[in-house]
């Protein structure tokens, strides 16, 4: 899996990284803001933060990352 993070959704280096990840047949997840830019159509799944304010988008990306890590950790290491 590859996670691509770009506030605008149009960062050339991030879009290129997604292209390479897809060449390796990785599942691609995008974290972006506003309307998602070009990243929306480049990834398998996109989490788009509906804001035009860069600091709010980045704060939401951090929170999203923490939530995803917690869900994955609970799934992989669930204690019975």
PDB file of N, CA and C in Angstrom:
ATOM      1  N   UNK A   1       0.846  -1.162   0.000  1.00  0.00           N
ATOM      2  CA  UNK A   1       0.000   0.000   0.000  1.00  0.00           C
ATOM      3  C   UNK A   1       0.896   1.231   0.000  1.00  0.00           C
ATOM      4  N   UNK A   2       0.463   2.247  -0.730  1.00  0.00           N
ATOM      5  CA  UNK A   2       1.161   3.533  -0.738  1.00  0.00           C
ATOM      6  C   UNK A   2       0.166   4.621  -0.360  1.00  0.00           C
ATOM      7  N   UNK A   3       0.600   5.495   0.540  1.00  0.00           N
ATOM      8  CA  UNK A   3      -0.233   6.613   0.965  1.00  0.00           C
ATOM      9  C   UNK A   3       0.384   7.893   0.414  1.00  0.00           C
ATOM     10  N   UNK A   4      -0.415   8.637  -0.333  1.00  0.00           N
ATOM     11  CA  UNK A   4       0.040   9.892  -0.938  1.00  0.00           C
ATOM     12  C   UNK A   4      -0.628  11.058  -0.226  1.00  0.00           C
ATOM     13  N   UNK A   5       0.182  12.026   0.219  1.00  0.00           N
ATOM     14  CA  UNK A   5      -0.348  13.168   0.965  1.00  0.00           C
ATOM     15  C   UNK A   5       0.024  14.448   0.241  1.00  0.00           C
ATOM     16  N   UNK A   6      -0.984  15.230  -0.132  1.00  0.00           N
ATOM     17  CA  UNK A   6      -0.771  16.519  -0.763  1.00  0.00           C
ATOM     18  C   UNK A   6      -1.977  17.403  -0.485  1.00  0.00           C
ATOM     19  N   UNK A   7      -1.737  18.583   0.033  1.00  0.00           N
ATOM     20  CA  UNK A   7      -2.832  19.498   0.366  1.00  0.00           C
ATOM     21  C   UNK A   7      -3.656  19.862  -0.856  1.00  0.00           C
ATOM     22  N   UNK A   8      -2.984  20.169  -1.960  1.00  0.00           N
ATOM     23  CA  UNK A   8      -3.684  20.612  -3.172  1.00  0.00           C
ATOM     24  C   UNK A   8      -4.211  19.456  -4.007  1.00  0.00           C
ATOM     25  N   UNK A   9      -3.549  18.307  -3.897  1.00  0.00           N
ATOM     26  CA  UNK A   9      -3.891  17.187  -4.764  1.00  0.00           C
ATOM     27  C   UNK A   9      -3.218  17.274  -6.119  1.00  0.00           C
ATOM     28  N   UNK A  10      -2.341  18.248  -6.292  1.00  0.00           N
ATOM     29  CA  UNK A  10      -1.707  18.466  -7.595  1.00  0.00           C
ATOM     30  C   UNK A  10      -0.182  18.495  -7.545  1.00  0.00           C
ATOM     31  N   UNK A  11       0.417  18.089  -6.455  1.00  0.00           N
ATOM     32  CA  UNK A  11       1.877  18.111  -6.339  1.00  0.00           C
ATOM     33  C   UNK A  11       2.490  17.104  -7.315  1.00  0.00           C
ATOM     34  N   UNK A  12       3.304  17.591  -8.263  1.00  0.00           N
ATOM     35  CA  UNK A  12       3.853  16.703  -9.296  1.00  0.00           C
ATOM     36  C   UNK A  12       4.635  15.517  -8.733  1.00  0.00           C
ATOM     37  N   UNK A  13       5.419  15.737  -7.683  1.00  0.00           N
ATOM     38  CA  UNK A  13       6.203  14.635  -7.130  1.00  0.00           C
ATOM     39  C   UNK A  13       5.318  13.563  -6.504  1.00  0.00           C
ATOM     40  N   UNK A  14       4.234  13.971  -5.877  1.00  0.00           N
ATOM     41  CA  UNK A  14       3.318  13.014  -5.256  1.00  0.00           C
ATOM     42  C   UNK A  14       2.555  12.245  -6.335  1.00  0.00           C
ATOM     43  N   UNK A  15       2.119  12.937  -7.354  1.00  0.00           N
ATOM     44  CA  UNK A  15       1.413  12.271  -8.461  1.00  0.00           C
ATOM     45  C   UNK A  15       2.322  11.263  -9.149  1.00  0.00           C
ATOM     46  N   UNK A  16       3.590  11.612  -9.313  1.00  0.00           N
ATOM     47  CA  UNK A  16       4.539  10.682  -9.931  1.00  0.00           C
ATOM     48  C   UNK A  16       4.766   9.469  -9.034  1.00  0.00           C
ATOM     49  N   UNK A  17       4.847   9.698  -7.730  1.00  0.00           N
ATOM     50  CA  UNK A  17       5.014   8.586  -6.795  1.00  0.00           C
ATOM     51  C   UNK A  17       3.838   7.620  -6.875  1.00  0.00           C
ATOM     52  N   UNK A  18       2.630   8.161  -7.049  1.00  0.00           N
ATOM     53  CA  UNK A  18       1.444   7.312  -7.191  1.00  0.00           C
ATOM     54  C   UNK A  18       1.543   6.496  -8.478  1.00  0.00           C
ATOM     55  N   UNK A  19       2.022   7.103  -9.549  1.00  0.00           N
ATOM     56  CA  UNK A  19       2.201   6.362 -10.807  1.00  0.00           C
ATOM     57  C   UNK A  19       3.130   5.174 -10.597  1.00  0.00           C
ATOM     58  N   UNK A  20       4.239   5.408  -9.924  1.00  0.00           N
ATOM     59  CA  UNK A  20       5.208   4.334  -9.667  1.00  0.00           C
ATOM     60  C   UNK A  20       4.592   3.269  -8.773  1.00  0.00           C
ATOM     61  N   UNK A  21       3.881   3.679  -7.743  1.00  0.00           N
ATOM     62  CA  UNK A  21       3.231   2.719  -6.845  1.00  0.00           C
ATOM     63  C   UNK A  21       2.264   1.835  -7.624  1.00  0.00           C
ATOM     64  N   UNK A  22       1.533   2.422  -8.542  1.00  0.00           N
ATOM     65  CA  UNK A  22       0.581   1.636  -9.338  1.00  0.00           C
ATOM     66  C   UNK A  22       1.314   0.677 -10.272  1.00  0.00           C
ATOM     67  N   UNK A  23       2.481   1.083 -10.775  1.00  0.00           N
ATOM     68  CA  UNK A  23       3.291   0.174 -11.605  1.00  0.00           C
ATOM     69  C   UNK A  23       3.686  -1.068 -10.802  1.00  0.00           C
ATOM     70  N   UNK A  24       3.881  -0.892  -9.502  1.00  0.00           N
ATOM     71  CA  UNK A  24       4.211  -2.000  -8.611  1.00  0.00           C
ATOM     72  C   UNK A  24       2.962  -2.700  -8.080  1.00  0.00           C
ATOM     73  N   UNK A  25       1.819  -2.296  -8.592  1.00  0.00           N
ATOM     74  CA  UNK A  25       0.531  -2.892  -8.246  1.00  0.00           C
ATOM     75  C   UNK A  25       0.173  -2.731  -6.769  1.00  0.00           C
ATOM     76  N   UNK A  26       0.589  -1.609  -6.180  1.00  0.00           N
ATOM     77  CA  UNK A  26       0.233  -1.316  -4.807  1.00  0.00           C
ATOM     78  C   UNK A  26      -1.150  -0.674  -4.758  1.00  0.00           C
ATOM     79  N   UNK A  27      -1.857  -0.901  -3.690  1.00  0.00           N
ATOM     80  CA  UNK A  27      -3.097  -0.175  -3.440  1.00  0.00           C
ATOM     81  C   UNK A  27      -2.687   1.248  -3.062  1.00  0.00           C
ATOM     82  N   UNK A  28      -3.354   2.237  -3.642  1.00  0.00           N
ATOM     83  CA  UNK A  28      -2.980   3.631  -3.387  1.00  0.00           C
ATOM     84  C   UNK A  28      -4.098   4.368  -2.659  1.00  0.00           C
ATOM     85  N   UNK A  29      -3.691   5.089  -1.618  1.00  0.00           N
ATOM     86  CA  UNK A  29      -4.610   5.872  -0.796  1.00  0.00           C
ATOM     87  C   UNK A  29      -4.132   7.322  -0.875  1.00  0.00           C
ATOM     88  N   UNK A  30      -5.049   8.241  -1.074  1.00  0.00           N
ATOM     89  CA  UNK A  30      -4.690   9.652  -1.122  1.00  0.00           C
ATOM     90  C   UNK A  30      -5.285  10.429   0.036  1.00  0.00           C
ATOM     91  N   UNK A  31      -4.497  11.349   0.572  1.00  0.00           N
ATOM     92  CA  UNK A  31      -4.987  12.315   1.549  1.00  0.00           C
ATOM     93  C   UNK A  31      -4.780  13.679   0.915  1.00  0.00           C
ATOM     94  N   UNK A  32      -5.855  14.407   0.726  1.00  0.00           N
ATOM     95  CA  UNK A  32      -5.761  15.697   0.065  1.00  0.00           C
ATOM     96  C   UNK A  32      -6.775  16.661   0.655  1.00  0.00           C
ATOM     97  N   UNK A  33      -6.844  17.818   0.080  1.00  0.00           N
ATOM     98  CA  UNK A  33      -7.789  18.820   0.555  1.00  0.00           C
ATOM     99  C   UNK A  33      -8.610  19.363  -0.596  1.00  0.00           C
ATOM    100  N   UNK A  34      -9.428  20.361  -0.265  1.00  0.00           N
ATOM    101  CA  UNK A  34     -10.272  21.026  -1.245  1.00  0.00           C
ATOM    102  C   UNK A  34     -11.078  20.005  -2.040  1.00  0.00           C
ATOM    103  N   UNK A  35     -10.963  20.048  -3.353  1.00  0.00           N
ATOM    104  CA  UNK A  35     -11.709  19.103  -4.200  1.00  0.00           C
ATOM    105  C   UNK A  35     -10.882  17.877  -4.562  1.00  0.00           C
ATOM    106  N   UNK A  36      -9.653  17.816  -4.083  1.00  0.00           N
ATOM    107  CA  UNK A  36      -8.821  16.639  -4.318  1.00  0.00           C
ATOM    108  C   UNK A  36      -7.842  16.763  -5.456  1.00  0.00           C
ATOM    109  N   UNK A  37      -8.047  17.727  -6.332  1.00  0.00           N
ATOM    110  CA  UNK A  37      -7.130  17.903  -7.456  1.00  0.00           C
ATOM    111  C   UNK A  37      -7.016  16.662  -8.314  1.00  0.00           C
ATOM    112  N   UNK A  38      -5.861  16.508  -8.936  1.00  0.00           N
ATOM    113  CA  UNK A  38      -5.613  15.371  -9.830  1.00  0.00           C
ATOM    114  C   UNK A  38      -5.471  14.057  -9.069  1.00  0.00           C
ATOM    115  N   UNK A  39      -5.162  14.157  -7.791  1.00  0.00           N
ATOM    116  CA  UNK A  39      -4.934  12.947  -7.001  1.00  0.00           C
ATOM    117  C   UNK A  39      -6.180  12.076  -6.902  1.00  0.00           C
ATOM    118  N   UNK A  40      -7.344  12.702  -6.875  1.00  0.00           N
ATOM    119  CA  UNK A  40      -8.598  11.951  -6.726  1.00  0.00           C
ATOM    120  C   UNK A  40      -8.716  10.840  -7.761  1.00  0.00           C
ATOM    121  N   UNK A  41      -8.405  11.150  -8.993  1.00  0.00           N
ATOM    122  CA  UNK A  41      -8.553  10.147 -10.053  1.00  0.00           C
ATOM    123  C   UNK A  41      -7.312   9.266 -10.208  1.00  0.00           C
ATOM    124  N   UNK A  42      -6.239   9.578  -9.482  1.00  0.00           N
ATOM    125  CA  UNK A  42      -4.999   8.814  -9.615  1.00  0.00           C
ATOM    126  C   UNK A  42      -4.889   7.687  -8.600  1.00  0.00           C
ATOM    127  N   UNK A  43      -5.678   7.738  -7.512  1.00  0.00           N
ATOM    128  CA  UNK A  43      -5.556   6.745  -6.444  1.00  0.00           C
ATOM    129  C   UNK A  43      -6.781   5.831  -6.386  1.00  0.00           C
ATOM    130  N   UNK A  44      -6.614   4.715  -5.674  1.00  0.00           N
ATOM    131  CA  UNK A  44      -7.733   3.790  -5.499  1.00  0.00           C
ATOM    132  C   UNK A  44      -8.789   4.349  -4.563  1.00  0.00           C
ATOM    133  N   UNK A  45      -8.330   4.973  -3.479  1.00  0.00           N
ATOM    134  CA  UNK A  45      -9.243   5.582  -2.504  1.00  0.00           C
ATOM    135  C   UNK A  45      -8.662   6.929  -2.092  1.00  0.00           C
ATOM    136  N   UNK A  46      -9.534   7.909  -1.935  1.00  0.00           N
ATOM    137  CA  UNK A  46      -9.067   9.236  -1.556  1.00  0.00           C
ATOM    138  C   UNK A  46      -9.879   9.767  -0.372  1.00  0.00           C
ATOM    139  N   UNK A  47      -9.157  10.280   0.609  1.00  0.00           N
ATOM    140  CA  UNK A  47      -9.779  10.963   1.737  1.00  0.00           C
ATOM    141  C   UNK A  47      -9.514  12.440   1.515  1.00  0.00           C
ATOM    142  N   UNK A  48     -10.558  13.169   1.178  1.00  0.00           N
ATOM    143  CA  UNK A  48     -10.439  14.578   0.825  1.00  0.00           C
ATOM    144  C   UNK A  48     -11.009  15.437   1.950  1.00  0.00           C
ATOM    145  N   UNK A  49     -10.184  16.319   2.478  1.00  0.00           N
ATOM    146  CA  UNK A  49     -10.612  17.218   3.551  1.00  0.00           C
ATOM    147  C   UNK A  49     -11.233  18.453   2.899  1.00  0.00           C
ATOM    148  N   UNK A  50     -12.525  18.686   3.105  1.00  0.00           N
ATOM    149  CA  UNK A  50     -13.226  19.762   2.384  1.00  0.00           C
ATOM    150  C   UNK A  50     -12.957  21.156   2.968  1.00  0.00           C
ATOM    151  N   UNK A  51     -11.738  21.624   2.757  1.00  0.00           N
ATOM    152  CA  UNK A  51     -11.361  22.944   3.255  1.00  0.00           C
ATOM    153  C   UNK A  51     -10.413  23.599   2.257  1.00  0.00           C
ATOM    154  N   UNK A  52     -10.372  24.913   2.266  1.00  0.00           N
ATOM    155  CA  UNK A  52      -9.420  25.663   1.460  1.00  0.00           C
ATOM    156  C   UNK A  52      -8.266  26.189   2.310  1.00  0.00           C
ATOM    157  N   UNK A  53      -8.288  25.907   3.597  1.00  0.00           N
ATOM    158  CA  UNK A  53      -7.261  26.410   4.501  1.00  0.00           C
ATOM    159  C   UNK A  53      -6.200  25.330   4.740  1.00  0.00           C
ATOM    160  N   UNK A  54      -5.007  25.588   4.229  1.00  0.00           N
ATOM    161  CA  UNK A  54      -3.921  24.614   4.319  1.00  0.00           C
ATOM    162  C   UNK A  54      -3.680  24.111   5.742  1.00  0.00           C
ATOM    163  N   UNK A  55      -3.616  24.981   6.749  1.00  0.00           N
ATOM    164  CA  UNK A  55      -3.389  24.455   8.104  1.00  0.00           C
ATOM    165  C   UNK A  55      -4.477  23.488   8.562  1.00  0.00           C
ATOM    166  N   UNK A  56      -5.743  23.767   8.251  1.00  0.00           N
ATOM    167  CA  UNK A  56      -6.831  22.866   8.653  1.00  0.00           C
ATOM    168  C   UNK A  56      -6.720  21.533   7.921  1.00  0.00           C
ATOM    169  N   UNK A  57      -6.367  21.575   6.638  1.00  0.00           N
ATOM    170  CA  UNK A  57      -6.210  20.336   5.862  1.00  0.00           C
ATOM    171  C   UNK A  57      -5.103  19.484   6.471  1.00  0.00           C
ATOM    172  N   UNK A  58      -3.981  20.107   6.773  1.00  0.00           N
ATOM    173  CA  UNK A  58      -2.849  19.368   7.324  1.00  0.00           C
ATOM    174  C   UNK A  58      -3.155  18.816   8.718  1.00  0.00           C
ATOM    175  N   UNK A  59      -3.873  19.574   9.528  1.00  0.00           N
ATOM    176  CA  UNK A  59      -4.284  19.067  10.843  1.00  0.00           C
ATOM    177  C   UNK A  59      -5.192  17.849  10.689  1.00  0.00           C
ATOM    178  N   UNK A  60      -6.109  17.902   9.740  1.00  0.00           N
ATOM    179  CA  UNK A  60      -7.010  16.772   9.501  1.00  0.00           C
ATOM    180  C   UNK A  60      -6.245  15.565   8.961  1.00  0.00           C
ATOM    181  N   UNK A  61      -5.205  15.808   8.153  1.00  0.00           N
ATOM    182  CA  UNK A  61      -4.380  14.700   7.657  1.00  0.00           C
ATOM    183  C   UNK A  61      -3.679  13.996   8.818  1.00  0.00           C
ATOM    184  N   UNK A  62      -3.165  14.778   9.767  1.00  0.00           N
ATOM    185  CA  UNK A  62      -2.499  14.190  10.929  1.00  0.00           C
ATOM    186  C   UNK A  62      -3.489  13.336  11.723  1.00  0.00           C
ATOM    187  N   UNK A  63      -4.669  13.886  11.978  1.00  0.00           N
ATOM    188  CA  UNK A  63      -5.696  13.143  12.709  1.00  0.00           C
ATOM    189  C   UNK A  63      -6.086  11.872  11.964  1.00  0.00           C
ATOM    190  N   UNK A  64      -6.276  11.969  10.664  1.00  0.00           N
ATOM    191  CA  UNK A  64      -6.629  10.807   9.842  1.00  0.00           C
ATOM    192  C   UNK A  64      -5.556   9.732   9.932  1.00  0.00           C
ATOM    193  N   UNK A  65      -4.298  10.138   9.882  1.00  0.00           N
ATOM    194  CA  UNK A  65      -3.196   9.182   9.996  1.00  0.00           C
ATOM    195  C   UNK A  65      -3.216   8.457  11.329  1.00  0.00           C
ATOM    196  N   UNK A  66      -3.472   9.188  12.404  1.00  0.00           N
ATOM    197  CA  UNK A  66      -3.539   8.565  13.726  1.00  0.00           C
ATOM    198  C   UNK A  66      -4.708   7.587  13.815  1.00  0.00           C
ATOM    199  N   UNK A  67      -5.839   7.964  13.262  1.00  0.00           N
ATOM    200  CA  UNK A  67      -7.011   7.079  13.284  1.00  0.00           C
ATOM    201  C   UNK A  67      -6.733   5.802  12.497  1.00  0.00           C
ATOM    202  N   UNK A  68      -6.153   5.943  11.314  1.00  0.00           N
ATOM    203  CA  UNK A  68      -5.843   4.766  10.487  1.00  0.00           C
ATOM    204  C   UNK A  68      -4.855   3.846  11.203  1.00  0.00           C
ATOM    205  N   UNK A  69      -3.838   4.420  11.835  1.00  0.00           N
ATOM    206  CA  UNK A  69      -2.870   3.600  12.575  1.00  0.00           C
ATOM    207  C   UNK A  69      -3.540   2.843  13.714  1.00  0.00           C
ATOM    208  N   UNK A  70      -4.446   3.507  14.411  1.00  0.00           N
ATOM    209  CA  UNK A  70      -5.139   2.845  15.515  1.00  0.00           C
ATOM    210  C   UNK A  70      -6.005   1.690  15.018  1.00  0.00           C
ATOM    211  N   UNK A  71      -6.734   1.907  13.952  1.00  0.00           N
ATOM    212  CA  UNK A  71      -7.594   0.856  13.397  1.00  0.00           C
ATOM    213  C   UNK A  71      -6.751  -0.331  12.936  1.00  0.00           C
ATOM    214  N   UNK A  72      -5.648  -0.053  12.248  1.00  0.00           N
ATOM    215  CA  UNK A  72      -4.777  -1.134  11.766  1.00  0.00           C
ATOM    216  C   UNK A  72      -4.176  -1.888  12.944  1.00  0.00           C
ATOM    217  N   UNK A  73      -3.689  -1.150  13.932  1.00  0.00           N
ATOM    218  CA  UNK A  73      -3.093  -1.791  15.107  1.00  0.00           C
ATOM    219  C   UNK A  73      -4.107  -2.667  15.831  1.00  0.00           C
ATOM    220  N   UNK A  74      -5.320  -2.167  16.014  1.00  0.00           N
ATOM    221  CA  UNK A  74      -6.349  -2.958  16.694  1.00  0.00           C
ATOM    222  C   UNK A  74      -6.701  -4.205  15.887  1.00  0.00           C
ATOM    223  N   UNK A  75      -6.700  -4.070  14.580  1.00  0.00           N
ATOM    224  CA  UNK A  75      -7.031  -5.210  13.719  1.00  0.00           C
ATOM    225  C   UNK A  75      -5.934  -6.271  13.753  1.00  0.00           C
ATOM    226  N   UNK A  76      -4.682  -5.821  13.676  1.00  0.00           N
ATOM    227  CA  UNK A  76      -3.584  -6.771  13.624  1.00  0.00           C
ATOM    228  C   UNK A  76      -3.250  -7.387  14.980  1.00  0.00           C
ATOM    229  N   UNK A  77      -3.418  -6.611  16.045  1.00  0.00           N
ATOM    230  CA  UNK A  77      -2.956  -7.057  17.356  1.00  0.00           C
ATOM    231  C   UNK A  77      -4.081  -7.113  18.376  1.00  0.00           C
ATOM    232  N   UNK A  78      -5.276  -7.431  17.911  1.00  0.00           N
ATOM    233  CA  UNK A  78      -6.433  -7.518  18.799  1.00  0.00           C
ATOM    234  C   UNK A  78      -6.167  -8.544  19.892  1.00  0.00           C
ATOM    235  N   UNK A  79      -6.405  -8.130  21.130  1.00  0.00           N
ATOM    236  CA  UNK A  79      -6.196  -9.043  22.248  1.00  0.00           C
ATOM    237  C   UNK A  79      -7.522  -9.705  22.600  1.00  0.00           C
ATOM    238  N   UNK A  80      -7.466 -11.008  22.828  1.00  0.00           N
ATOM    239  CA  UNK A  80      -8.678 -11.754  23.143  1.00  0.00           C
ATOM    240  C   UNK A  80      -8.934 -11.789  24.613  1.00  0.00           C
TER     241      UNK A  80
END
